[in-house]
Amino acid sequence: MRSSAQSGRGRDLAELTAIGDAANVGARLASVADIGELVVSAAAYAAAGLSGDGEARELVLKGVTAPVSVRVLHSGNSVEAIV
């Protein structure tokens, strides 16, 4: 996972690299999402307090030993945060 930032009027850029299981799973989930989809781990979906039309799936991801429970959100679907 890479991120760049620009500050002020100059061209100062910083490159950040995330490592570890969470970064690996996040990158793998992004790579399996089709156009118009957001693939989120079921744990992140629940922690965000989301409810709605998230399609439940179990995915086997490269570099991850156990299947990952996910929710797939499609553009145009209704998802609401619990407030």
PDB file of N, CA and C in Angstrom:
ATOM      1  N   MET A   1       0.855  -1.151   0.000  1.00  0.00           N
ATOM      2  CA  MET A   1       0.000   0.000   0.000  1.00  0.00           C
ATOM      3  C   MET A   1       0.905   1.218   0.000  1.00  0.00           C
ATOM      4  N   ARG A   2       0.641   2.161  -0.879  1.00  0.00           N
ATOM      5  CA  ARG A   2       1.455   3.357  -0.948  1.00  0.00           C
ATOM      6  C   ARG A   2       0.570   4.574  -0.857  1.00  0.00           C
ATOM      7  N   SER A   3       1.125   5.628  -0.323  1.00  0.00           N
ATOM      8  CA  SER A   3       0.402   6.879  -0.240  1.00  0.00           C
ATOM      9  C   SER A   3       1.401   8.006  -0.436  1.00  0.00           C
ATOM     10  N   SER A   4       0.986   9.039  -1.103  1.00  0.00           N
ATOM     11  CA  SER A   4       1.830  10.210  -1.289  1.00  0.00           C
ATOM     12  C   SER A   4       1.086  11.426  -0.785  1.00  0.00           C
ATOM     13  N   ALA A   5       1.837  12.416  -0.350  1.00  0.00           N
ATOM     14  CA  ALA A   5       1.225  13.636   0.159  1.00  0.00           C
ATOM     15  C   ALA A   5       1.998  14.833  -0.358  1.00  0.00           C
ATOM     16  N   GLN A   6       1.291  15.925  -0.570  1.00  0.00           N
ATOM     17  CA  GLN A   6       1.920  17.160  -1.001  1.00  0.00           C
ATOM     18  C   GLN A   6       1.610  18.210   0.035  1.00  0.00           C
ATOM     19  N   SER A   7       2.606  19.015   0.381  1.00  0.00           N
ATOM     20  CA  SER A   7       2.374  20.046   1.380  1.00  0.00           C
ATOM     21  C   SER A   7       2.795  21.399   0.828  1.00  0.00           C
ATOM     22  N   GLY A   8       2.063  22.434   1.209  1.00  0.00           N
ATOM     23  CA  GLY A   8       2.397  23.793   0.797  1.00  0.00           C
ATOM     24  C   GLY A   8       2.420  23.957  -0.708  1.00  0.00           C
ATOM     25  N   ARG A   9       3.284  24.858  -1.155  1.00  0.00           N
ATOM     26  CA  ARG A   9       3.388  25.132  -2.585  1.00  0.00           C
ATOM     27  C   ARG A   9       4.509  24.359  -3.238  1.00  0.00           C
ATOM     28  N   GLY A  10       5.317  23.725  -2.429  1.00  0.00           N
ATOM     29  CA  GLY A  10       6.446  22.976  -2.963  1.00  0.00           C
ATOM     30  C   GLY A  10       6.019  21.619  -3.463  1.00  0.00           C
ATOM     31  N   ARG A  11       6.996  20.843  -3.830  1.00  0.00           N
ATOM     32  CA  ARG A  11       6.725  19.491  -4.321  1.00  0.00           C
ATOM     33  C   ARG A  11       7.289  18.453  -3.374  1.00  0.00           C
ATOM     34  N   ASP A  12       7.129  18.677  -2.094  1.00  0.00           N
ATOM     35  CA  ASP A  12       7.608  17.726  -1.099  1.00  0.00           C
ATOM     36  C   ASP A  12       6.671  16.535  -1.064  1.00  0.00           C
ATOM     37  N   LEU A  13       7.180  15.371  -1.395  1.00  0.00           N
ATOM     38  CA  LEU A  13       6.370  14.161  -1.393  1.00  0.00           C
ATOM     39  C   LEU A  13       6.950  13.173  -0.402  1.00  0.00           C
ATOM     40  N   ALA A  14       6.084  12.468   0.275  1.00  0.00           N
ATOM     41  CA  ALA A  14       6.504  11.427   1.199  1.00  0.00           C
ATOM     42  C   ALA A  14       5.888  10.118   0.741  1.00  0.00           C
ATOM     43  N   GLU A  15       6.659   9.070   0.740  1.00  0.00           N
ATOM     44  CA  GLU A  15       6.132   7.755   0.396  1.00  0.00           C
ATOM     45  C   GLU A  15       6.064   6.936   1.661  1.00  0.00           C
ATOM     46  N   LEU A  16       4.895   6.380   1.920  1.00  0.00           N
ATOM     47  CA  LEU A  16       4.681   5.579   3.112  1.00  0.00           C
ATOM     48  C   LEU A  16       4.395   4.150   2.684  1.00  0.00           C
ATOM     49  N   THR A  17       4.930   3.207   3.406  1.00  0.00           N
ATOM     50  CA  THR A  17       4.681   1.802   3.107  1.00  0.00           C
ATOM     51  C   THR A  17       4.100   1.139   4.343  1.00  0.00           C
ATOM     52  N   ALA A  18       2.971   0.494   4.179  1.00  0.00           N
ATOM     53  CA  ALA A  18       2.344  -0.242   5.275  1.00  0.00           C
ATOM     54  C   ALA A  18       2.681  -1.716   5.107  1.00  0.00           C
ATOM     55  N   ILE A  19       3.018  -2.374   6.209  1.00  0.00           N
ATOM     56  CA  ILE A  19       3.327  -3.800   6.177  1.00  0.00           C
ATOM     57  C   ILE A  19       2.526  -4.516   7.255  1.00  0.00           C
ATOM     58  N   GLY A  20       2.432  -5.810   7.151  1.00  0.00           N
ATOM     59  CA  GLY A  20       1.739  -6.601   8.157  1.00  0.00           C
ATOM     60  C   GLY A  20       0.464  -7.214   7.617  1.00  0.00           C
ATOM     61  N   ASP A  21      -0.174  -8.005   8.462  1.00  0.00           N
ATOM     62  CA  ASP A  21      -1.372  -8.739   8.054  1.00  0.00           C
ATOM     63  C   ASP A  21      -2.515  -7.822   7.613  1.00  0.00           C
ATOM     64  N   ALA A  22      -2.771  -6.758   8.371  1.00  0.00           N
ATOM     65  CA  ALA A  22      -3.885  -5.871   8.028  1.00  0.00           C
ATOM     66  C   ALA A  22      -3.662  -5.215   6.670  1.00  0.00           C
ATOM     67  N   ALA A  23      -2.448  -4.775   6.401  1.00  0.00           N
ATOM     68  CA  ALA A  23      -2.143  -4.153   5.113  1.00  0.00           C
ATOM     69  C   ALA A  23      -2.245  -5.180   3.987  1.00  0.00           C
ATOM     70  N   ASN A  24      -1.780  -6.404   4.227  1.00  0.00           N
ATOM     71  CA  ASN A  24      -1.856  -7.461   3.219  1.00  0.00           C
ATOM     72  C   ASN A  24      -3.307  -7.799   2.894  1.00  0.00           C
ATOM     73  N   VAL A  25      -4.128  -7.983   3.919  1.00  0.00           N
ATOM     74  CA  VAL A  25      -5.536  -8.309   3.689  1.00  0.00           C
ATOM     75  C   VAL A  25      -6.231  -7.156   2.972  1.00  0.00           C
ATOM     76  N   GLY A  26      -5.967  -5.929   3.383  1.00  0.00           N
ATOM     77  CA  GLY A  26      -6.571  -4.772   2.729  1.00  0.00           C
ATOM     78  C   GLY A  26      -6.222  -4.700   1.253  1.00  0.00           C
ATOM     79  N   ALA A  27      -4.969  -4.950   0.937  1.00  0.00           N
ATOM     80  CA  ALA A  27      -4.538  -4.936  -0.467  1.00  0.00           C
ATOM     81  C   ALA A  27      -5.191  -6.064  -1.255  1.00  0.00           C
ATOM     82  N   ARG A  28      -5.293  -7.238  -0.652  1.00  0.00           N
ATOM     83  CA  ARG A  28      -5.926  -8.373  -1.342  1.00  0.00           C
ATOM     84  C   ARG A  28      -7.416  -8.113  -1.574  1.00  0.00           C
ATOM     85  N   LEU A  29      -8.087  -7.523  -0.593  1.00  0.00           N
ATOM     86  CA  LEU A  29      -9.513  -7.220  -0.762  1.00  0.00           C
ATOM     87  C   LEU A  29      -9.719  -6.206  -1.882  1.00  0.00           C
ATOM     88  N   ALA A  30      -8.855  -5.209  -1.938  1.00  0.00           N
ATOM     89  CA  ALA A  30      -8.961  -4.216  -3.014  1.00  0.00           C
ATOM     90  C   ALA A  30      -8.742  -4.867  -4.374  1.00  0.00           C
ATOM     91  N   SER A  31      -7.845  -5.849  -4.424  1.00  0.00           N
ATOM     92  CA  SER A  31      -7.520  -6.474  -5.714  1.00  0.00           C
ATOM     93  C   SER A  31      -8.627  -7.393  -6.233  1.00  0.00           C
ATOM     94  N   VAL A  32      -9.487  -7.898  -5.352  1.00  0.00           N
ATOM     95  CA  VAL A  32     -10.558  -8.795  -5.803  1.00  0.00           C
ATOM     96  C   VAL A  32     -11.860  -8.054  -6.104  1.00  0.00           C
ATOM     97  N   ALA A  33     -11.923  -6.773  -5.763  1.00  0.00           N
ATOM     98  CA  ALA A  33     -13.145  -5.999  -6.017  1.00  0.00           C
ATOM     99  C   ALA A  33     -13.299  -5.731  -7.503  1.00  0.00           C
ATOM    100  N   ASP A  34     -14.506  -5.966  -8.015  1.00  0.00           N
ATOM    101  CA  ASP A  34     -14.824  -5.636  -9.395  1.00  0.00           C
ATOM    102  C   ASP A  34     -15.174  -4.154  -9.489  1.00  0.00           C
ATOM    103  N   ILE A  35     -15.312  -3.660 -10.706  1.00  0.00           N
ATOM    104  CA  ILE A  35     -15.710  -2.269 -10.907  1.00  0.00           C
ATOM    105  C   ILE A  35     -17.066  -2.055 -10.249  1.00  0.00           C
ATOM    106  N   GLY A  36     -17.179  -1.009  -9.457  1.00  0.00           N
ATOM    107  CA  GLY A  36     -18.432  -0.698  -8.774  1.00  0.00           C
ATOM    108  C   GLY A  36     -18.619  -1.419  -7.460  1.00  0.00           C
ATOM    109  N   GLU A  37     -17.585  -2.155  -7.009  1.00  0.00           N
ATOM    110  CA  GLU A  37     -17.670  -2.884  -5.743  1.00  0.00           C
ATOM    111  C   GLU A  37     -16.681  -2.334  -4.723  1.00  0.00           C
ATOM    112  N   LEU A  38     -17.065  -2.451  -3.470  1.00  0.00           N
ATOM    113  CA  LEU A  38     -16.175  -2.206  -2.348  1.00  0.00           C
ATOM    114  C   LEU A  38     -16.217  -3.472  -1.512  1.00  0.00           C
ATOM    115  N   VAL A  39     -15.063  -4.118  -1.334  1.00  0.00           N
ATOM    116  CA  VAL A  39     -14.977  -5.355  -0.558  1.00  0.00           C
ATOM    117  C   VAL A  39     -14.369  -5.005   0.797  1.00  0.00           C
ATOM    118  N   VAL A  40     -15.128  -5.280   1.853  1.00  0.00           N
ATOM    119  CA  VAL A  40     -14.749  -4.903   3.214  1.00  0.00           C
ATOM    120  C   VAL A  40     -14.782  -6.143   4.084  1.00  0.00           C
ATOM    121  N   SER A  41     -13.800  -6.281   4.971  1.00  0.00           N
ATOM    122  CA  SER A  41     -13.859  -7.424   5.884  1.00  0.00           C
ATOM    123  C   SER A  41     -15.120  -7.310   6.736  1.00  0.00           C
ATOM    124  N   ALA A  42     -15.672  -8.450   7.110  1.00  0.00           N
ATOM    125  CA  ALA A  42     -16.873  -8.451   7.942  1.00  0.00           C
ATOM    126  C   ALA A  42     -16.604  -7.754   9.274  1.00  0.00           C
ATOM    127  N   ALA A  43     -15.389  -7.893   9.790  1.00  0.00           N
ATOM    128  CA  ALA A  43     -15.028  -7.234  11.052  1.00  0.00           C
ATOM    129  C   ALA A  43     -15.057  -5.712  10.905  1.00  0.00           C
ATOM    130  N   ALA A  44     -14.512  -5.192   9.805  1.00  0.00           N
ATOM    131  CA  ALA A  44     -14.520  -3.747   9.574  1.00  0.00           C
ATOM    132  C   ALA A  44     -15.946  -3.248   9.332  1.00  0.00           C
ATOM    133  N   TYR A  45     -16.737  -4.033   8.623  1.00  0.00           N
ATOM    134  CA  TYR A  45     -18.133  -3.694   8.352  1.00  0.00           C
ATOM    135  C   TYR A  45     -18.894  -3.546   9.673  1.00  0.00           C
ATOM    136  N   ALA A  46     -18.709  -4.510  10.561  1.00  0.00           N
ATOM    137  CA  ALA A  46     -19.390  -4.469  11.863  1.00  0.00           C
ATOM    138  C   ALA A  46     -18.862  -3.340  12.733  1.00  0.00           C
ATOM    139  N   ALA A  47     -17.529  -3.152  12.744  1.00  0.00           N
ATOM    140  CA  ALA A  47     -16.927  -2.104  13.579  1.00  0.00           C
ATOM    141  C   ALA A  47     -17.380  -0.715  13.149  1.00  0.00           C
ATOM    142  N   ALA A  48     -17.660  -0.546  11.850  1.00  0.00           N
ATOM    143  CA  ALA A  48     -18.131   0.743  11.342  1.00  0.00           C
ATOM    144  C   ALA A  48     -19.612   0.962  11.638  1.00  0.00           C
ATOM    145  N   GLY A  49     -20.269  -0.061  12.172  1.00  0.00           N
ATOM    146  CA  GLY A  49     -21.681   0.059  12.498  1.00  0.00           C
ATOM    147  C   GLY A  49     -22.572   0.119  11.272  1.00  0.00           C
ATOM    148  N   LEU A  50     -22.136  -0.536  10.188  1.00  0.00           N
ATOM    149  CA  LEU A  50     -22.910  -0.509   8.950  1.00  0.00           C
ATOM    150  C   LEU A  50     -24.001  -1.563   8.960  1.00  0.00           C
ATOM    151  N   SER A  51     -25.072  -1.257   8.287  1.00  0.00           N
ATOM    152  CA  SER A  51     -26.135  -2.231   8.074  1.00  0.00           C
ATOM    153  C   SER A  51     -26.672  -1.991   6.671  1.00  0.00           C
ATOM    154  N   GLY A  52     -27.256  -2.991   6.091  1.00  0.00           N
ATOM    155  CA  GLY A  52     -27.809  -2.795   4.755  1.00  0.00           C
ATOM    156  C   GLY A  52     -27.542  -3.975   3.860  1.00  0.00           C
ATOM    157  N   ASP A  53     -27.315  -3.667   2.588  1.00  0.00           N
ATOM    158  CA  ASP A  53     -27.275  -4.683   1.554  1.00  0.00           C
ATOM    159  C   ASP A  53     -25.897  -5.270   1.281  1.00  0.00           C
ATOM    160  N   GLY A  54     -25.024  -5.341   2.245  1.00  0.00           N
ATOM    161  CA  GLY A  54     -23.707  -5.915   2.003  1.00  0.00           C
ATOM    162  C   GLY A  54     -23.792  -7.422   1.788  1.00  0.00           C
ATOM    163  N   GLU A  55     -23.393  -7.875   0.607  1.00  0.00           N
ATOM    164  CA  GLU A  55     -23.417  -9.301   0.272  1.00  0.00           C
ATOM    165  C   GLU A  55     -22.309 -10.030   1.042  1.00  0.00           C
ATOM    166  N   ALA A  56     -22.654 -11.063   1.784  1.00  0.00           N
ATOM    167  CA  ALA A  56     -21.677 -11.828   2.576  1.00  0.00           C
ATOM    168  C   ALA A  56     -20.973 -12.855   1.685  1.00  0.00           C
ATOM    169  N   ARG A  57     -19.651 -12.930   1.816  1.00  0.00           N
ATOM    170  CA  ARG A  57     -18.843 -13.919   1.092  1.00  0.00           C
ATOM    171  C   ARG A  57     -17.706 -14.388   1.992  1.00  0.00           C
ATOM    172  N   GLU A  58     -17.165 -15.542   1.670  1.00  0.00           N
ATOM    173  CA  GLU A  58     -15.946 -16.061   2.290  1.00  0.00           C
ATOM    174  C   GLU A  58     -14.898 -16.108   1.178  1.00  0.00           C
ATOM    175  N   LEU A  59     -13.757 -15.471   1.390  1.00  0.00           N
ATOM    176  CA  LEU A  59     -12.716 -15.438   0.366  1.00  0.00           C
ATOM    177  C   LEU A  59     -11.443 -16.107   0.863  1.00  0.00           C
ATOM    178  N   VAL A  60     -10.792 -16.820  -0.025  1.00  0.00           N
ATOM    179  CA  VAL A  60      -9.458 -17.364   0.240  1.00  0.00           C
ATOM    180  C   VAL A  60      -8.486 -16.416  -0.447  1.00  0.00           C
ATOM    181  N   LEU A  61      -7.619 -15.781   0.348  1.00  0.00           N
ATOM    182  CA  LEU A  61      -6.708 -14.766  -0.163  1.00  0.00           C
ATOM    183  C   LEU A  61      -5.270 -15.248  -0.101  1.00  0.00           C
ATOM    184  N   LYS A  62      -4.502 -14.916  -1.103  1.00  0.00           N
ATOM    185  CA  LYS A  62      -3.085 -15.270  -1.158  1.00  0.00           C
ATOM    186  C   LYS A  62      -2.364 -14.680   0.059  1.00  0.00           C
ATOM    187  N   GLY A  63      -1.573 -15.506   0.717  1.00  0.00           N
ATOM    188  CA  GLY A  63      -0.794 -15.051   1.864  1.00  0.00           C
ATOM    189  C   GLY A  63      -1.553 -15.002   3.167  1.00  0.00           C
ATOM    190  N   VAL A  64      -2.825 -15.424   3.160  1.00  0.00           N
ATOM    191  CA  VAL A  64      -3.654 -15.421   4.367  1.00  0.00           C
ATOM    192  C   VAL A  64      -4.061 -16.869   4.625  1.00  0.00           C
ATOM    193  N   THR A  65      -3.788 -17.372   5.829  1.00  0.00           N
ATOM    194  CA  THR A  65      -3.983 -18.798   6.100  1.00  0.00           C
ATOM    195  C   THR A  65      -5.442 -19.228   6.165  1.00  0.00           C
ATOM    196  N   ALA A  66      -6.309 -18.403   6.723  1.00  0.00           N
ATOM    197  CA  ALA A  66      -7.721 -18.779   6.885  1.00  0.00           C
ATOM    198  C   ALA A  66      -8.596 -17.972   5.931  1.00  0.00           C
ATOM    199  N   PRO A  67      -9.743 -18.529   5.543  1.00  0.00           N
ATOM    200  CA  PRO A  67     -10.678 -17.752   4.715  1.00  0.00           C
ATOM    201  C   PRO A  67     -11.101 -16.477   5.451  1.00  0.00           C
ATOM    202  N   VAL A  68     -11.365 -15.435   4.693  1.00  0.00           N
ATOM    203  CA  VAL A  68     -11.733 -14.137   5.259  1.00  0.00           C
ATOM    204  C   VAL A  68     -13.203 -13.873   4.962  1.00  0.00           C
ATOM    205  N   SER A  69     -13.968 -13.590   6.007  1.00  0.00           N
ATOM    206  CA  SER A  69     -15.380 -13.216   5.844  1.00  0.00           C
ATOM    207  C   SER A  69     -15.434 -11.759   5.418  1.00  0.00           C
ATOM    208  N   VAL A  70     -16.170 -11.486   4.335  1.00  0.00           N
ATOM    209  CA  VAL A  70     -16.248 -10.129   3.813  1.00  0.00           C
ATOM    210  C   VAL A  70     -17.682  -9.745   3.525  1.00  0.00           C
ATOM    211  N   ARG A  71     -17.880  -8.461   3.340  1.00  0.00           N
ATOM    212  CA  ARG A  71     -19.129  -7.912   2.832  1.00  0.00           C
ATOM    213  C   ARG A  71     -18.781  -7.181   1.552  1.00  0.00           C
ATOM    214  N   VAL A  72     -19.564  -7.407   0.517  1.00  0.00           N
ATOM    215  CA  VAL A  72     -19.343  -6.749  -0.762  1.00  0.00           C
ATOM    216  C   VAL A  72     -20.456  -5.718  -0.956  1.00  0.00           C
ATOM    217  N   LEU A  73     -20.046  -4.473  -1.110  1.00  0.00           N
ATOM    218  CA  LEU A  73     -20.989  -3.383  -1.338  1.00  0.00           C
ATOM    219  C   LEU A  73     -20.928  -3.014  -2.812  1.00  0.00           C
ATOM    220  N   HIS A  74     -22.073  -2.869  -3.426  1.00  0.00           N
ATOM    221  CA  HIS A  74     -22.164  -2.521  -4.839  1.00  0.00           C
ATOM    222  C   HIS A  74     -22.605  -1.072  -4.955  1.00  0.00           C
ATOM    223  N   SER A  75     -22.068  -0.349  -5.926  1.00  0.00           N
ATOM    224  CA  SER A  75     -22.469   1.047  -6.104  1.00  0.00           C
ATOM    225  C   SER A  75     -23.974   1.108  -6.309  1.00  0.00           C
ATOM    226  N   GLY A  76     -24.591   2.040  -5.622  1.00  0.00           N
ATOM    227  CA  GLY A  76     -26.035   2.175  -5.726  1.00  0.00           C
ATOM    228  C   GLY A  76     -26.800   1.456  -4.641  1.00  0.00           C
ATOM    229  N   ASN A  77     -26.135   0.539  -3.888  1.00  0.00           N
ATOM    230  CA  ASN A  77     -26.825  -0.153  -2.797  1.00  0.00           C
ATOM    231  C   ASN A  77     -26.925   0.769  -1.589  1.00  0.00           C
ATOM    232  N   SER A  78     -27.932   0.559  -0.810  1.00  0.00           N
ATOM    233  CA  SER A  78     -28.147   1.350   0.393  1.00  0.00           C
ATOM    234  C   SER A  78     -27.408   0.717   1.570  1.00  0.00           C
ATOM    235  N   VAL A  79     -26.511   1.482   2.147  1.00  0.00           N
ATOM    236  CA  VAL A  79     -25.827   1.066   3.371  1.00  0.00           C
ATOM    237  C   VAL A  79     -25.901   2.222   4.340  1.00  0.00           C
ATOM    238  N   GLU A  80     -26.350   1.938   5.550  1.00  0.00           N
ATOM    239  CA  GLU A  80     -26.515   2.997   6.524  1.00  0.00           C
ATOM    240  C   GLU A  80     -25.658   2.739   7.752  1.00  0.00           C
ATOM    241  N   ALA A  81     -25.116   3.786   8.304  1.00  0.00           N
ATOM    242  CA  ALA A  81     -24.351   3.688   9.542  1.00  0.00           C
ATOM    243  C   ALA A  81     -25.328   3.754  10.711  1.00  0.00           C
ATOM    244  N   ILE A  82     -25.032   3.008  11.731  1.00  0.00           N
ATOM    245  CA  ILE A  82     -25.836   3.044  12.946  1.00  0.00           C
ATOM    246  C   ILE A  82     -25.325   4.220  13.774  1.00  0.00           C
ATOM    247  N   VAL A  83     -26.196   5.173  14.016  1.00  0.00           N
ATOM    248  CA  VAL A  83     -25.797   6.394  14.738  1.00  0.00           C
ATOM    249  C   VAL A  83     -26.350   6.364  16.124  1.00  0.00           C
TER     250      VAL A  83
END
